[in-house]
Amino acid sequence: MTTAVETRHPPHGPGLVLLLGALTAFAPLSIDMYLPAFPAIAQDLGASAGAVERTLATFFAGLALGQLVTGPLTDRFGRTRPLYLGLALYVLGSVGCALSPSADVLAAWRFAQALGGSVGIVTARAIVRDLHSGAAAARMMSRLVLVMGVAPILAPLFGGWVLHAFGWRFIFWSLATVGAVALLAVILSLPETAPPQRDSSQPFTRMLGLLRAPDFLGHALTVALAQAGMFAYIGGSPFVFITLHGIPPEKFGWFFGTNAAGLVATSQLNHLLLSRASPSRVLSLAVRFAAGAGLLLVAAALTGVGGVWGIAVSLFLFVSSLGAVVPNATAMALEHHAKQAGVASAVLGALQFTLAAGASTVVSASHEGTARPMAFTVAAAGLLACVTLAFARRGTAAAPP
């Protein structure tokens, strides 16, 4: 049973894309901005490098758990009210990080910050499904990738500048400001797109139901594996480029930014392709391309052919392909689950960050002084994405309209 609420027509066009894209960018922005500050944080707080790295692990945990909690709430109470609370918690968590006296306290506040930021990620995907379906939803997701993709390009550069000019704590004051501006923008310009649902079914029952739906699970795992490959690259590339191949740290950002630019460019190419081909067709080609790029990366890592450029080109091709994999697979995962878009978005996000954290851990745990651990993990993610996409096709035809 659904209770009617007063719902104004939601905004369309660049304004909505910018706002929803900003909400989905909270995760990369909150991660990439403070990465250059790790040594400074360790020195200022008298902590070990491992203790500072744990602040990243707690952030991942908060994102995964927060999405599982948020999804049912956005279906139960509508999109906007949980979003207000989540953004307020993000601001509070960012302020707590800025004032932290120790690495353990910083880790706790990072967890709270991630819980708040997760609400924006879940809600943005759910709103897209509220407003669009099919190819239109995939095109909208591509636009969000355009906005979200700017964060990995600019965040490390801005974070490094803020660190140099004002110190590491100001990075978190900056994030608190971003959260406050986003909260104000949501209050002023984002109406409710889904009325509250008086559904008596338990959220975990619905989550289990989604995990038993091949069309959802296959596409969700395809997205999650793509993200796992991305985080294997993020976790392994500093060692591969800087330590192994001697790229100066100040030039590493150009490699990182170029790959992010490739991701953004492909997402916009995907937007154009969807006017001529179905999301399923484009996704199939993109996943195969990602798997091929992963195998090319393994070949470069094993043989050394091309040196650093063999590694760089292979990574560029893999990361760029995700600009078509992520929006199409996300749209198709949510396609037949509009009535529980919040829960579906939550499970999708939790799978993403769980596999992403796992891939990053595999790369660091298997470190042996070469590019092979990163290359094998990236390639495995691409190949497994082909398998899960094939699994998704088994359930797509049988899914309810």
Protein backbone atom coordinates (compact mmCIF):
# COMPACT_ATOMS: atom_id res chain seq x y z
CA MET A 1 0.00 0.00 0.00
CA THR A 2 1.36 3.43 -0.93
CA THR A 3 0.55 6.68 0.79
CA ALA A 4 0.28 9.65 -1.51
CA VAL A 5 2.49 12.61 -0.90
CA GLU A 6 2.69 15.95 -2.59
CA THR A 7 5.35 15.55 -5.27
CA ARG A 8 6.39 18.41 -7.50
CA HIS A 9 7.80 17.63 -10.92
CA PRO A 10 11.48 16.83 -10.36
CA PRO A 11 14.09 18.94 -12.11
CA HIS A 12 15.48 17.68 -15.39
CA GLY A 13 18.50 18.55 -17.49
CA PRO A 14 21.96 19.67 -16.37
CA GLY A 15 20.85 20.78 -12.90
CA LEU A 16 19.56 17.36 -11.90
CA VAL A 17 22.56 15.58 -13.47
CA LEU A 18 24.97 17.85 -11.60
CA LEU A 19 23.24 17.34 -8.27
CA LEU A 20 22.88 13.56 -8.54
CA GLY A 21 26.40 13.27 -9.92
CA ALA A 22 27.72 15.21 -6.95
CA LEU A 23 25.93 12.85 -4.57
CA THR A 24 27.51 9.81 -6.24
CA ALA A 25 30.92 11.51 -6.16
CA PHE A 26 31.08 11.63 -2.36
CA ALA A 27 32.97 8.33 -2.21
CA PRO A 28 35.81 9.11 -4.68
CA LEU A 29 36.02 12.69 -3.41
CA SER A 30 36.32 11.57 0.21
CA ILE A 31 38.92 8.95 -0.67
CA ASP A 32 41.10 10.64 -3.27
CA MET A 33 41.35 14.04 -1.61
CA TYR A 34 43.08 12.76 1.50
CA LEU A 35 45.36 10.11 -0.03
CA PRO A 36 48.25 12.59 -0.54
CA ALA A 37 47.99 13.48 3.18
CA PHE A 38 48.74 9.99 4.58
CA PRO A 39 52.35 10.76 5.56
CA ALA A 40 51.38 14.12 7.08
CA ILE A 41 48.53 12.56 9.08
CA ALA A 42 50.82 9.83 10.40
CA GLN A 43 53.43 12.37 11.47
CA ASP A 44 50.97 14.80 13.05
CA LEU A 45 49.06 12.14 14.99
CA GLY A 46 52.12 10.10 15.88
CA ALA A 47 50.62 7.05 14.16
CA SER A 48 52.02 4.27 12.02
CA ALA A 49 51.35 4.05 8.30
CA GLY A 50 49.15 1.01 8.95
CA ALA A 51 47.05 2.95 11.46
CA VAL A 52 46.42 5.68 8.91
CA GLU A 53 45.62 3.11 6.20
CA ARG A 54 42.96 1.68 8.52
CA THR A 55 41.08 4.96 8.24
CA LEU A 56 40.53 4.03 4.59
CA ALA A 57 39.36 0.53 5.53
CA THR A 58 36.81 1.90 8.00
CA PHE A 59 35.55 4.26 5.31
CA PHE A 60 34.94 1.32 2.96
CA ALA A 61 33.16 -0.55 5.77
CA GLY A 62 30.94 2.46 6.45
CA LEU A 63 30.04 2.78 2.76
CA ALA A 64 29.06 -0.87 2.47
CA LEU A 65 27.06 -1.00 5.72
CA GLY A 66 25.53 2.42 5.20
CA GLN A 67 24.09 1.49 1.83
CA LEU A 68 22.47 -1.65 3.20
CA VAL A 69 20.80 0.41 5.92
CA THR A 70 19.90 3.33 3.67
CA GLY A 71 18.23 1.41 0.85
CA PRO A 72 15.25 0.15 2.87
CA LEU A 73 14.86 3.56 4.49
CA THR A 74 14.59 5.34 1.13
CA ASP A 75 11.85 2.92 0.07
CA ARG A 76 10.04 3.18 3.39
CA PHE A 77 10.21 6.95 3.98
CA GLY A 78 10.84 8.35 0.49
CA ARG A 79 14.09 9.63 -1.00
CA THR A 80 14.51 13.07 0.49
CA ARG A 81 14.15 12.64 4.26
CA PRO A 82 16.88 9.97 4.59
CA LEU A 83 19.03 12.07 2.26
CA TYR A 84 18.75 15.12 4.55
CA LEU A 85 19.87 13.05 7.53
CA GLY A 86 22.65 11.37 5.59
CA LEU A 87 24.16 14.61 4.33
CA ALA A 88 23.96 16.10 7.82
CA LEU A 89 25.82 13.06 9.18
CA TYR A 90 28.42 13.43 6.41
CA VAL A 91 29.05 17.02 7.45
CA LEU A 92 29.29 16.03 11.12
CA GLY A 93 31.65 13.17 10.30
CA SER A 94 33.88 15.46 8.23
CA VAL A 95 34.11 17.97 11.09
CA GLY A 96 34.94 15.12 13.47
CA CYS A 97 37.75 14.01 11.14
CA ALA A 98 39.15 17.53 11.03
CA LEU A 99 39.27 17.70 14.84
CA SER A 100 40.54 14.16 15.48
CA PRO A 101 43.36 13.91 18.06
CA SER A 102 44.43 10.37 17.10
CA ALA A 103 44.32 7.86 14.26
CA ASP A 104 41.76 5.72 16.08
CA VAL A 105 39.42 8.66 16.54
CA LEU A 106 39.96 9.62 12.90
CA ALA A 107 39.03 6.08 11.85
CA ALA A 108 35.82 6.27 13.87
CA TRP A 109 34.81 9.57 12.33
CA ARG A 110 35.70 8.28 8.86
CA PHE A 111 33.22 5.46 9.48
CA ALA A 112 30.52 8.01 10.40
CA GLN A 113 31.42 10.15 7.40
CA ALA A 114 31.03 7.12 5.12
CA LEU A 115 27.66 6.21 6.62
CA GLY A 116 26.40 9.68 5.75
CA GLY A 117 27.94 9.73 2.28
CA SER A 118 26.45 6.35 1.43
CA VAL A 119 22.96 7.85 1.55
CA GLY A 120 23.74 10.11 -1.39
CA ILE A 121 25.07 7.22 -3.47
CA VAL A 122 22.03 5.01 -2.88
CA THR A 123 19.51 7.82 -3.33
CA ALA A 124 21.00 9.10 -6.58
CA ARG A 125 20.72 5.69 -8.25
CA ALA A 126 17.20 5.19 -6.90
CA ILE A 127 16.08 8.59 -8.20
CA VAL A 128 17.38 7.76 -11.68
CA ARG A 129 15.25 4.60 -11.62
CA ASP A 130 12.27 6.60 -10.31
CA LEU A 131 12.45 8.87 -13.33
CA HIS A 132 13.73 6.62 -16.13
CA SER A 133 13.93 3.03 -17.37
CA GLY A 134 15.72 1.11 -20.10
CA ALA A 135 18.07 3.03 -22.38
CA ALA A 136 16.96 6.36 -20.87
CA ALA A 137 18.13 5.21 -17.43
CA ALA A 138 21.45 4.02 -18.88
CA ARG A 139 21.94 7.38 -20.60
CA MET A 140 21.21 9.17 -17.34
CA MET A 141 23.73 6.95 -15.54
CA SER A 142 26.31 7.88 -18.17
CA ARG A 143 25.75 11.55 -17.38
CA LEU A 144 26.29 10.83 -13.70
CA VAL A 145 29.58 9.12 -14.55
CA LEU A 146 30.62 12.34 -16.30
CA VAL A 147 30.18 14.32 -13.10
CA MET A 148 31.46 11.56 -10.82
CA GLY A 149 34.50 10.98 -13.03
CA VAL A 150 35.73 14.51 -12.48
CA ALA A 151 36.36 13.70 -8.80
CA PRO A 152 39.28 11.27 -9.35
CA ILE A 153 40.86 13.80 -11.72
CA LEU A 154 40.65 16.88 -9.52
CA ALA A 155 40.47 15.47 -5.98
CA PRO A 156 44.12 14.36 -5.63
CA LEU A 157 45.34 17.62 -7.14
CA PHE A 158 43.08 19.75 -4.93
CA GLY A 159 43.90 17.64 -1.88
CA GLY A 160 47.63 18.07 -2.49
CA TRP A 161 47.22 21.83 -2.85
CA VAL A 162 45.14 22.11 0.32
CA LEU A 163 47.65 19.94 2.19
CA HIS A 164 50.55 22.13 1.11
CA ALA A 165 48.75 25.41 1.80
CA PHE A 166 46.74 24.70 4.97
CA GLY A 167 47.56 21.23 6.31
CA TRP A 168 45.70 17.91 6.27
CA ARG A 169 42.89 18.95 8.63
CA PHE A 170 41.67 21.56 6.16
CA ILE A 171 40.99 18.76 3.67
CA PHE A 172 38.22 17.54 5.95
CA TRP A 173 36.95 21.07 6.55
CA SER A 174 36.69 21.31 2.75
CA LEU A 175 34.71 18.06 2.62
CA ALA A 176 32.40 19.37 5.35
CA THR A 177 31.78 22.44 3.22
CA VAL A 178 30.99 20.29 0.17
CA GLY A 179 28.52 18.28 2.23
CA ALA A 180 26.83 21.41 3.56
CA VAL A 181 26.48 22.90 0.07
CA ALA A 182 25.02 19.61 -1.21
CA LEU A 183 22.54 19.51 1.66
CA LEU A 184 21.38 23.04 0.91
CA ALA A 185 21.06 22.24 -2.80
CA VAL A 186 18.99 19.13 -2.07
CA ILE A 187 16.67 21.01 0.29
CA LEU A 188 16.12 23.82 -2.21
CA SER A 189 15.90 21.95 -5.51
CA LEU A 190 15.21 18.23 -5.14
CA PRO A 191 11.54 17.28 -4.61
CA GLU A 192 10.42 13.82 -3.57
CA THR A 193 10.45 11.35 -6.49
CA ALA A 194 9.02 8.31 -4.67
CA PRO A 195 6.25 8.37 -2.05
CA PRO A 196 6.76 6.45 1.21
CA GLN A 197 5.72 2.79 1.04
CA ARG A 198 3.80 1.07 3.82
CA ASP A 199 5.30 -2.29 2.96
CA SER A 200 5.12 -4.91 5.67
CA SER A 201 7.81 -7.14 4.18
CA GLN A 202 11.17 -7.15 5.93
CA PRO A 203 14.03 -5.39 4.12
CA PHE A 204 16.40 -8.32 4.51
CA THR A 205 13.78 -10.61 2.99
CA ARG A 206 13.64 -8.32 -0.02
CA MET A 207 17.44 -8.23 -0.20
CA LEU A 208 17.58 -12.01 -0.26
CA GLY A 209 14.91 -11.99 -2.95
CA LEU A 210 17.06 -9.71 -5.08
CA LEU A 211 20.08 -11.96 -4.63
CA ARG A 212 17.99 -14.85 -5.94
CA ALA A 213 16.99 -12.88 -9.07
CA PRO A 214 19.50 -13.70 -11.85
CA ASP A 215 18.80 -10.50 -13.78
CA PHE A 216 19.65 -8.36 -10.74
CA LEU A 217 22.47 -10.42 -9.27
CA GLY A 218 24.27 -10.97 -12.57
CA HIS A 219 24.27 -7.30 -13.53
CA ALA A 220 25.08 -6.18 -9.97
CA LEU A 221 28.08 -8.50 -9.85
CA THR A 222 29.18 -7.21 -13.24
CA VAL A 223 29.24 -3.67 -11.82
CA ALA A 224 30.95 -4.85 -8.62
CA LEU A 225 33.66 -6.74 -10.50
CA ALA A 226 34.29 -3.72 -12.70
CA GLN A 227 34.76 -1.66 -9.53
CA ALA A 228 36.99 -4.40 -8.08
CA GLY A 229 39.27 -4.10 -11.10
CA MET A 230 39.28 -0.33 -10.68
CA PHE A 231 40.30 -0.53 -7.02
CA ALA A 232 42.96 -3.15 -7.78
CA TYR A 233 44.42 -0.55 -10.14
CA ILE A 234 44.06 2.25 -7.59
CA GLY A 235 45.70 0.19 -4.87
CA GLY A 236 48.53 -1.17 -7.00
CA SER A 237 49.37 1.62 -9.42
CA PRO A 238 51.34 3.90 -7.02
CA PHE A 239 53.87 1.11 -6.40
CA VAL A 240 53.95 0.04 -10.06
CA PHE A 241 54.46 3.52 -11.47
CA ILE A 242 56.41 5.32 -8.74
CA THR A 243 58.50 2.59 -7.09
CA LEU A 244 58.86 0.02 -9.86
CA HIS A 245 59.15 2.30 -12.88
CA GLY A 246 60.53 5.44 -11.26
CA ILE A 247 57.77 7.87 -12.22
CA PRO A 248 58.15 11.01 -10.02
CA PRO A 249 55.27 11.32 -7.52
CA GLU A 250 54.33 14.74 -8.89
CA LYS A 251 53.84 13.22 -12.37
CA PHE A 252 51.90 10.18 -11.17
CA GLY A 253 48.76 12.32 -10.98
CA TRP A 254 48.87 12.75 -14.75
CA PHE A 255 48.62 8.99 -15.28
CA PHE A 256 45.79 8.82 -12.76
CA GLY A 257 43.99 11.78 -14.29
CA THR A 258 44.38 10.50 -17.85
CA ASN A 259 42.71 7.22 -16.95
CA ALA A 260 39.88 9.07 -15.22
CA ALA A 261 39.48 11.25 -18.31
CA GLY A 262 39.23 8.10 -20.44
CA LEU A 263 36.48 6.81 -18.15
CA VAL A 264 34.55 10.05 -18.52
CA ALA A 265 35.01 10.15 -22.31
CA THR A 266 33.74 6.58 -22.70
CA SER A 267 30.71 7.32 -20.54
CA GLN A 268 29.76 10.07 -22.97
CA LEU A 269 30.42 7.84 -25.96
CA ASN A 270 28.13 5.33 -24.27
CA HIS A 271 25.43 8.00 -24.10
CA LEU A 272 25.63 8.40 -27.88
CA LEU A 273 25.78 4.67 -28.60
CA LEU A 274 22.57 4.08 -26.65
CA SER A 275 20.64 6.02 -29.28
CA ARG A 276 21.62 3.30 -31.79
CA ALA A 277 22.00 0.12 -29.75
CA SER A 278 20.44 -1.45 -26.67
CA PRO A 279 22.12 -1.20 -23.25
CA SER A 280 22.53 -5.00 -23.33
CA ARG A 281 24.46 -4.90 -26.60
CA VAL A 282 26.73 -2.04 -25.56
CA LEU A 283 27.35 -3.65 -22.18
CA SER A 284 28.30 -6.97 -23.78
CA LEU A 285 30.89 -5.30 -25.99
CA ALA A 286 32.26 -3.17 -23.15
CA VAL A 287 32.71 -6.13 -20.78
CA ARG A 288 34.58 -8.09 -23.43
CA PHE A 289 36.77 -5.07 -24.09
CA ALA A 290 37.56 -4.79 -20.37
CA ALA A 291 38.50 -8.46 -20.18
CA GLY A 292 40.74 -8.08 -23.22
CA ALA A 293 42.44 -5.05 -21.72
CA GLY A 294 43.02 -7.01 -18.51
CA LEU A 295 44.69 -9.84 -20.45
CA LEU A 296 46.83 -7.28 -22.30
CA LEU A 297 47.89 -5.90 -18.90
CA VAL A 298 48.92 -9.38 -17.76
CA ALA A 299 50.99 -9.82 -20.90
CA ALA A 300 52.74 -6.49 -20.32
CA ALA A 301 53.42 -7.35 -16.67
CA LEU A 302 54.79 -10.83 -17.49
CA THR A 303 56.93 -9.94 -20.49
CA GLY A 304 57.91 -6.33 -19.80
CA VAL A 305 57.10 -5.47 -23.42
CA GLY A 306 56.53 -1.74 -23.70
CA GLY A 307 57.90 -1.06 -20.22
CA VAL A 308 55.90 1.44 -18.25
CA TRP A 309 53.92 2.43 -21.34
CA GLY A 310 52.77 -1.14 -21.89
CA ILE A 311 51.32 -1.06 -18.37
CA ALA A 312 49.93 2.47 -18.77
CA VAL A 313 48.15 1.83 -22.08
CA SER A 314 46.61 -1.43 -20.85
CA LEU A 315 45.30 0.27 -17.71
CA PHE A 316 43.95 3.18 -19.74
CA LEU A 317 41.99 0.78 -21.95
CA PHE A 318 40.62 -1.13 -18.95
CA VAL A 319 39.60 1.92 -16.92
CA SER A 320 38.11 3.64 -19.98
CA SER A 321 35.91 0.62 -20.72
CA LEU A 322 34.26 0.99 -17.32
CA GLY A 323 32.62 4.18 -18.58
CA ALA A 324 30.30 1.90 -20.56
CA VAL A 325 30.21 -1.10 -18.22
CA VAL A 326 29.13 0.69 -15.03
CA PRO A 327 26.17 2.83 -16.26
CA ASN A 328 24.65 0.09 -18.44
CA ALA A 329 25.03 -2.72 -15.91
CA THR A 330 23.68 -0.47 -13.15
CA ALA A 331 20.63 0.52 -15.17
CA MET A 332 19.94 -3.09 -16.14
CA ALA A 333 20.30 -4.31 -12.56
CA LEU A 334 17.62 -1.85 -11.43
CA GLU A 335 15.42 -2.16 -14.54
CA HIS A 336 12.86 -4.68 -13.22
CA HIS A 337 12.92 -3.58 -9.58
CA ALA A 338 11.44 -0.09 -9.63
CA LYS A 339 9.14 -0.75 -6.66
CA GLN A 340 12.15 -1.44 -4.43
CA ALA A 341 14.74 0.73 -6.15
CA GLY A 342 16.17 1.87 -2.81
CA VAL A 343 16.84 -1.68 -1.56
CA ALA A 344 18.16 -2.72 -4.98
CA SER A 345 20.49 0.28 -5.08
CA ALA A 346 21.71 -0.55 -1.58
CA VAL A 347 22.54 -4.17 -2.38
CA LEU A 348 24.22 -3.06 -5.59
CA GLY A 349 26.40 -0.56 -3.73
CA ALA A 350 27.28 -2.96 -0.92
CA LEU A 351 28.44 -5.55 -3.45
CA GLN A 352 30.53 -2.93 -5.22
CA PHE A 353 32.46 -1.76 -2.19
CA THR A 354 32.81 -5.24 -0.70
CA LEU A 355 34.44 -6.62 -3.85
CA ALA A 356 36.41 -3.41 -4.35
CA ALA A 357 37.87 -3.63 -0.86
CA GLY A 358 38.59 -7.32 -1.40
CA ALA A 359 40.45 -6.67 -4.65
CA SER A 360 42.55 -3.93 -3.07
CA THR A 361 43.39 -6.28 -0.19
CA VAL A 362 44.39 -9.07 -2.60
CA VAL A 363 46.80 -6.75 -4.41
CA SER A 364 48.46 -5.55 -1.20
CA ALA A 365 48.59 -9.02 0.37
CA SER A 366 50.18 -10.61 -2.71
CA HIS A 367 52.78 -7.88 -3.15
CA GLU A 368 56.04 -9.39 -4.45
CA GLY A 369 57.87 -6.49 -6.06
CA THR A 370 56.36 -6.65 -9.56
CA ALA A 371 53.26 -5.48 -11.41
CA ARG A 372 51.90 -9.04 -11.59
CA PRO A 373 49.57 -8.95 -8.53
CA MET A 374 47.80 -5.85 -9.81
CA ALA A 375 47.67 -7.18 -13.37
CA PHE A 376 46.29 -10.59 -12.45
CA THR A 377 43.64 -9.07 -10.17
CA VAL A 378 42.49 -6.60 -12.84
CA ALA A 379 42.34 -9.34 -15.47
CA ALA A 380 40.47 -11.70 -13.15
CA ALA A 381 37.88 -8.99 -12.47
CA GLY A 382 37.34 -8.45 -16.20
CA LEU A 383 37.03 -12.15 -17.01
CA LEU A 384 34.67 -12.83 -14.10
CA ALA A 385 32.52 -9.88 -15.25
CA CYS A 386 32.03 -11.74 -18.54
CA VAL A 387 30.83 -14.78 -16.59
CA THR A 388 28.40 -12.84 -14.40
CA LEU A 389 26.99 -11.01 -17.41
CA ALA A 390 26.24 -14.34 -19.05
CA PHE A 391 24.52 -15.39 -15.83
CA ALA A 392 22.43 -12.18 -15.89
CA ARG A 393 21.13 -12.96 -19.34
CA ARG A 394 19.59 -16.17 -18.05
CA GLY A 395 17.24 -14.18 -15.86
CA THR A 396 16.58 -11.08 -17.96
CA ALA A 397 14.02 -12.67 -20.27
CA ALA A 398 12.16 -14.21 -17.35
CA ALA A 399 12.19 -11.04 -15.22
CA PRO A 400 8.86 -9.29 -14.65
CA PRO A 401 8.18 -6.28 -16.89
